[in-house]
Every structure is written in C-alpha cells, then in structure tokens.
Amino acid sequence: MLINIIKGLTKKAVIEFISEFDLYEEVHVNNKVYVLVHAGLGNFKPDRPLWEYELDELVWERPNYEFQYYSDKYVITGHTPTMSIETNPRPGYIYKSNNNIAIDCGAGFGGKLACLCLETEEEFYIKCE
C-alpha cells in the first residue's frame, strides 16, 4: 500500500512525506515494549533517552547482536541483512538474539522481504527476484 501511495507522488511530495518520519518509534504490544529503529543504537548508554541519539547513531551505526541493550525492551532493526550476521543460524530470515530482532532479510540483494507481526510474533516473507 505504501508503495502505491509513493508511486502517485511527485519527488517533492515523497521527500516531504519521508521528512515527517521519526528516527525511532517505541511501541507497546501485548505487554512488550519494542524500539523500532533503522540501524541501531550507536554510542549506547542504558540511561540515555532515545530522543538524545543523533541521526547517524540511529541510521548508520550497526547494532551488536551479541549485546542486550535493554532487559525490558526489544530493539527491532533493519539496515544489516540477516545473512551477514555471523551468529545467525538461519541466514536470510529474521534473527532474534539478546532482545534484538533483525528484520532486514536482504530484499535489496535478492533475498527476502520480511515482516514480523508484533501481536502474534508470526514471520512473513516474500522472495525478491
């Protein structure tokens, strides 16, 4: 649906649309808290509020999937294709470890487009050609 909306817009309208996006989102689903961020939490400090992170720290800094950022939150990231995570026993599929959830399954590189339903924790995939 989002793709269809974007296709009908001018470049300027797309830029305006994207500029309204937040750098992160914290959502509560079924008594769990999820931090949604493009890449990771660069220069992480447990007591540092999310709003203090810089653009580069959230958009370009890759997470350390062996590190648990929060004990009471799950950090969901993209940016790092799951087939490049060395400890991933299922390369190309959603990776979960230490309250980290990596959902970039390499669609831009011929892998899969992944979706994780937070309400049911079901995983959905579409193979990209």
C-alpha atoms as a PDB file:
ATOM      1  CA  MET A   1       0.000   0.000   0.000  1.00  0.00           C
ATOM      2  CA  LEU A   2       2.794   2.436   0.892  1.00  0.00           C
ATOM      3  CA  ILE A   3       4.439   1.773  -2.476  1.00  0.00           C
ATOM      4  CA  ASN A   4       1.198   2.644  -4.293  1.00  0.00           C
ATOM      5  CA  ILE A   5       0.936   5.895  -2.348  1.00  0.00           C
ATOM      6  CA  ILE A   6       4.541   6.813  -3.174  1.00  0.00           C
ATOM      7  CA  LYS A   7       4.163   5.956  -6.886  1.00  0.00           C
ATOM      8  CA  GLY A   8       1.441   8.591  -7.229  1.00  0.00           C
ATOM      9  CA  LEU A   9       3.500  11.359  -5.629  1.00  0.00           C
ATOM     10  CA  THR A  10       5.976  13.823  -7.066  1.00  0.00           C
ATOM     11  CA  LYS A  11       9.602  13.711  -5.885  1.00  0.00           C
ATOM     12  CA  LYS A  12       8.990  16.773  -3.740  1.00  0.00           C
ATOM     13  CA  ALA A  13       5.941  15.185  -2.133  1.00  0.00           C
ATOM     14  CA  VAL A  14       7.914  11.991  -1.419  1.00  0.00           C
ATOM     15  CA  ILE A  15      10.678  13.989   0.261  1.00  0.00           C
ATOM     16  CA  GLU A  16       8.113  15.891   2.336  1.00  0.00           C
ATOM     17  CA  PHE A  17       6.415  12.592   3.258  1.00  0.00           C
ATOM     18  CA  ILE A  18       9.690  10.955   4.331  1.00  0.00           C
ATOM     19  CA  SER A  19      10.836  14.041   6.233  1.00  0.00           C
ATOM     20  CA  GLU A  20       7.909  13.555   8.604  1.00  0.00           C
ATOM     21  CA  PHE A  21       9.183  10.123   9.698  1.00  0.00           C
ATOM     22  CA  ASP A  22      10.527   9.745  13.214  1.00  0.00           C
ATOM     23  CA  LEU A  23      14.067   8.441  13.696  1.00  0.00           C
ATOM     24  CA  TYR A  24      12.750   5.801  16.071  1.00  0.00           C
ATOM     25  CA  GLU A  25       9.468   4.598  17.472  1.00  0.00           C
ATOM     26  CA  GLU A  26       8.707   2.934  20.772  1.00  0.00           C
ATOM     27  CA  VAL A  27       5.604   0.752  20.645  1.00  0.00           C
ATOM     28  CA  HIS A  28       3.810  -1.341  23.250  1.00  0.00           C
ATOM     29  CA  VAL A  29       2.228  -4.605  22.084  1.00  0.00           C
ATOM     30  CA  ASN A  30       0.937  -7.423  24.310  1.00  0.00           C
ATOM     31  CA  ASN A  31       2.818  -6.189  27.379  1.00  0.00           C
ATOM     32  CA  LYS A  32       6.104  -5.953  25.466  1.00  0.00           C
ATOM     33  CA  VAL A  33       7.969  -2.790  24.534  1.00  0.00           C
ATOM     34  CA  TYR A  34       9.653  -2.574  21.139  1.00  0.00           C
ATOM     35  CA  VAL A  35      12.110   0.090  19.999  1.00  0.00           C
ATOM     36  CA  LEU A  36      11.924   0.367  16.209  1.00  0.00           C
ATOM     37  CA  VAL A  37      14.998   1.900  14.620  1.00  0.00           C
ATOM     38  CA  HIS A  38      16.533   1.764  11.158  1.00  0.00           C
ATOM     39  CA  ALA A  39      20.039   0.627  12.031  1.00  0.00           C
ATOM     40  CA  GLY A  40      20.999   0.539  15.686  1.00  0.00           C
ATOM     41  CA  LEU A  41      21.743   2.475  18.845  1.00  0.00           C
ATOM     42  CA  GLY A  42      25.203   3.900  18.315  1.00  0.00           C
ATOM     43  CA  ASN A  43      27.100   5.024  21.415  1.00  0.00           C
ATOM     44  CA  PHE A  44      24.502   3.260  23.539  1.00  0.00           C
ATOM     45  CA  LYS A  45      24.116   4.069  27.220  1.00  0.00           C
ATOM     46  CA  PRO A  46      21.301   2.400  29.182  1.00  0.00           C
ATOM     47  CA  ASP A  47      20.254   5.637  30.871  1.00  0.00           C
ATOM     48  CA  ARG A  48      20.377   7.718  27.675  1.00  0.00           C
ATOM     49  CA  PRO A  49      16.893   8.685  26.438  1.00  0.00           C
ATOM     50  CA  LEU A  50      16.150   7.746  22.826  1.00  0.00           C
ATOM     51  CA  TRP A  51      15.477  11.363  21.877  1.00  0.00           C
ATOM     52  CA  GLU A  52      19.126  12.218  22.635  1.00  0.00           C
ATOM     53  CA  TYR A  53      20.527   9.934  19.907  1.00  0.00           C
ATOM     54  CA  GLU A  54      21.908  11.604  16.800  1.00  0.00           C
ATOM     55  CA  LEU A  55      20.759  10.805  13.277  1.00  0.00           C
ATOM     56  CA  ASP A  56      23.961   8.885  12.429  1.00  0.00           C
ATOM     57  CA  GLU A  57      23.694   6.781  15.604  1.00  0.00           C
ATOM     58  CA  LEU A  58      20.231   5.546  14.599  1.00  0.00           C
ATOM     59  CA  VAL A  59      20.520   5.374  10.810  1.00  0.00           C
ATOM     60  CA  TRP A  60      24.095   4.165  10.163  1.00  0.00           C
ATOM     61  CA  GLU A  61      25.510   2.530  13.305  1.00  0.00           C
ATOM     62  CA  ARG A  62      25.055  -1.232  13.112  1.00  0.00           C
ATOM     63  CA  PRO A  63      23.926  -2.970  16.287  1.00  0.00           C
ATOM     64  CA  ASN A  64      25.884  -5.549  18.218  1.00  0.00           C
ATOM     65  CA  TYR A  65      23.508  -8.514  18.226  1.00  0.00           C
ATOM     66  CA  GLU A  66      25.556 -10.234  20.930  1.00  0.00           C
ATOM     67  CA  PHE A  67      24.781  -7.354  23.319  1.00  0.00           C
ATOM     68  CA  GLN A  68      21.494  -6.901  25.166  1.00  0.00           C
ATOM     69  CA  TYR A  69      20.698  -3.190  25.060  1.00  0.00           C
ATOM     70  CA  TYR A  70      17.673  -3.399  27.338  1.00  0.00           C
ATOM     71  CA  SER A  71      16.356  -6.129  29.607  1.00  0.00           C
ATOM     72  CA  ASP A  72      12.791  -4.814  29.372  1.00  0.00           C
ATOM     73  CA  LYS A  73      12.633  -3.812  25.671  1.00  0.00           C
ATOM     74  CA  TYR A  74      13.207  -5.440  22.304  1.00  0.00           C
ATOM     75  CA  VAL A  75      15.212  -3.490  19.724  1.00  0.00           C
ATOM     76  CA  ILE A  76      13.993  -4.107  16.174  1.00  0.00           C
ATOM     77  CA  THR A  77      16.422  -3.084  13.458  1.00  0.00           C
ATOM     78  CA  GLY A  78      16.843  -3.169   9.717  1.00  0.00           C
ATOM     79  CA  HIS A  79      19.901  -1.973   7.762  1.00  0.00           C
ATOM     80  CA  THR A  80      22.000  -5.092   8.430  1.00  0.00           C
ATOM     81  CA  PRO A  81      20.939  -8.000   6.215  1.00  0.00           C
ATOM     82  CA  THR A  82      20.479 -11.068   8.400  1.00  0.00           C
ATOM     83  CA  MET A  83      22.639 -13.184   6.087  1.00  0.00           C
ATOM     84  CA  SER A  84      25.600 -11.037   7.162  1.00  0.00           C
ATOM     85  CA  ILE A  85      25.126 -11.744  10.887  1.00  0.00           C
ATOM     86  CA  GLU A  86      27.786 -14.367  11.609  1.00  0.00           C
ATOM     87  CA  THR A  87      25.927 -15.950  14.543  1.00  0.00           C
ATOM     88  CA  ASN A  88      22.639 -16.272  12.652  1.00  0.00           C
ATOM     89  CA  PRO A  89      21.727 -19.960  12.325  1.00  0.00           C
ATOM     90  CA  ARG A  90      19.115 -19.024   9.665  1.00  0.00           C
ATOM     91  CA  PRO A  91      20.770 -16.544   7.277  1.00  0.00           C
ATOM     92  CA  GLY A  92      18.195 -14.644   5.261  1.00  0.00           C
ATOM     93  CA  TYR A  93      15.477 -14.997   7.904  1.00  0.00           C
ATOM     94  CA  ILE A  94      14.524 -12.792  10.850  1.00  0.00           C
ATOM     95  CA  TYR A  95      17.175 -13.058  13.551  1.00  0.00           C
ATOM     96  CA  LYS A  96      16.417 -12.870  17.282  1.00  0.00           C
ATOM     97  CA  SER A  97      19.080 -12.716  19.979  1.00  0.00           C
ATOM     98  CA  ASN A  98      19.538 -10.889  23.303  1.00  0.00           C
ATOM     99  CA  ASN A  99      16.308  -8.862  22.907  1.00  0.00           C
ATOM    100  CA  ASN A 100      17.471  -7.826  19.420  1.00  0.00           C
ATOM    101  CA  ILE A 101      15.333  -8.567  16.380  1.00  0.00           C
ATOM    102  CA  ALA A 102      16.885  -8.028  12.951  1.00  0.00           C
ATOM    103  CA  ILE A 103      14.321  -7.912  10.154  1.00  0.00           C
ATOM    104  CA  ASP A 104      16.375  -6.936   7.073  1.00  0.00           C
ATOM    105  CA  CYS A 105      16.457 -10.207   5.170  1.00  0.00           C
ATOM    106  CA  GLY A 106      18.289  -8.878   2.134  1.00  0.00           C
ATOM    107  CA  ALA A 107      15.432  -7.935  -0.208  1.00  0.00           C
ATOM    108  CA  GLY A 108      17.696  -5.356  -1.864  1.00  0.00           C
ATOM    109  CA  PHE A 109      20.249  -8.080  -2.585  1.00  0.00           C
ATOM    110  CA  GLY A 110      17.940 -10.762  -3.992  1.00  0.00           C
ATOM    111  CA  GLY A 111      16.938 -12.085  -0.567  1.00  0.00           C
ATOM    112  CA  LYS A 112      13.555 -11.845   1.088  1.00  0.00           C
ATOM    113  CA  LEU A 113      11.315  -9.010   2.218  1.00  0.00           C
ATOM    114  CA  ALA A 114      10.363  -9.849   5.796  1.00  0.00           C
ATOM    115  CA  CYS A 115       7.528  -8.787   8.045  1.00  0.00           C
ATOM    116  CA  LEU A 116       7.122  -9.557  11.741  1.00  0.00           C
ATOM    117  CA  CYS A 117       3.652  -9.292  13.279  1.00  0.00           C
ATOM    118  CA  LEU A 118       4.260  -7.984  16.788  1.00  0.00           C
ATOM    119  CA  GLU A 119       0.843  -9.097  18.011  1.00  0.00           C
ATOM    120  CA  THR A 120       1.366 -12.773  17.125  1.00  0.00           C
ATOM    121  CA  GLU A 121       5.154 -12.879  16.513  1.00  0.00           C
ATOM    122  CA  GLU A 122       4.436 -14.556  13.156  1.00  0.00           C
ATOM    123  CA  GLU A 123       7.039 -14.102  10.446  1.00  0.00           C
ATOM    124  CA  PHE A 124       6.095 -13.482   6.820  1.00  0.00           C
ATOM    125  CA  TYR A 125       8.416 -13.498   3.799  1.00  0.00           C
ATOM    126  CA  ILE A 126       8.276 -12.615   0.126  1.00  0.00           C
ATOM    127  CA  LYS A 127      11.133 -13.772  -2.112  1.00  0.00           C
ATOM    128  CA  CYS A 128      12.566 -10.919  -4.178  1.00  0.00           C
ATOM    129  CA  GLU A 129      13.739 -11.564  -7.709  1.00  0.00           C
END
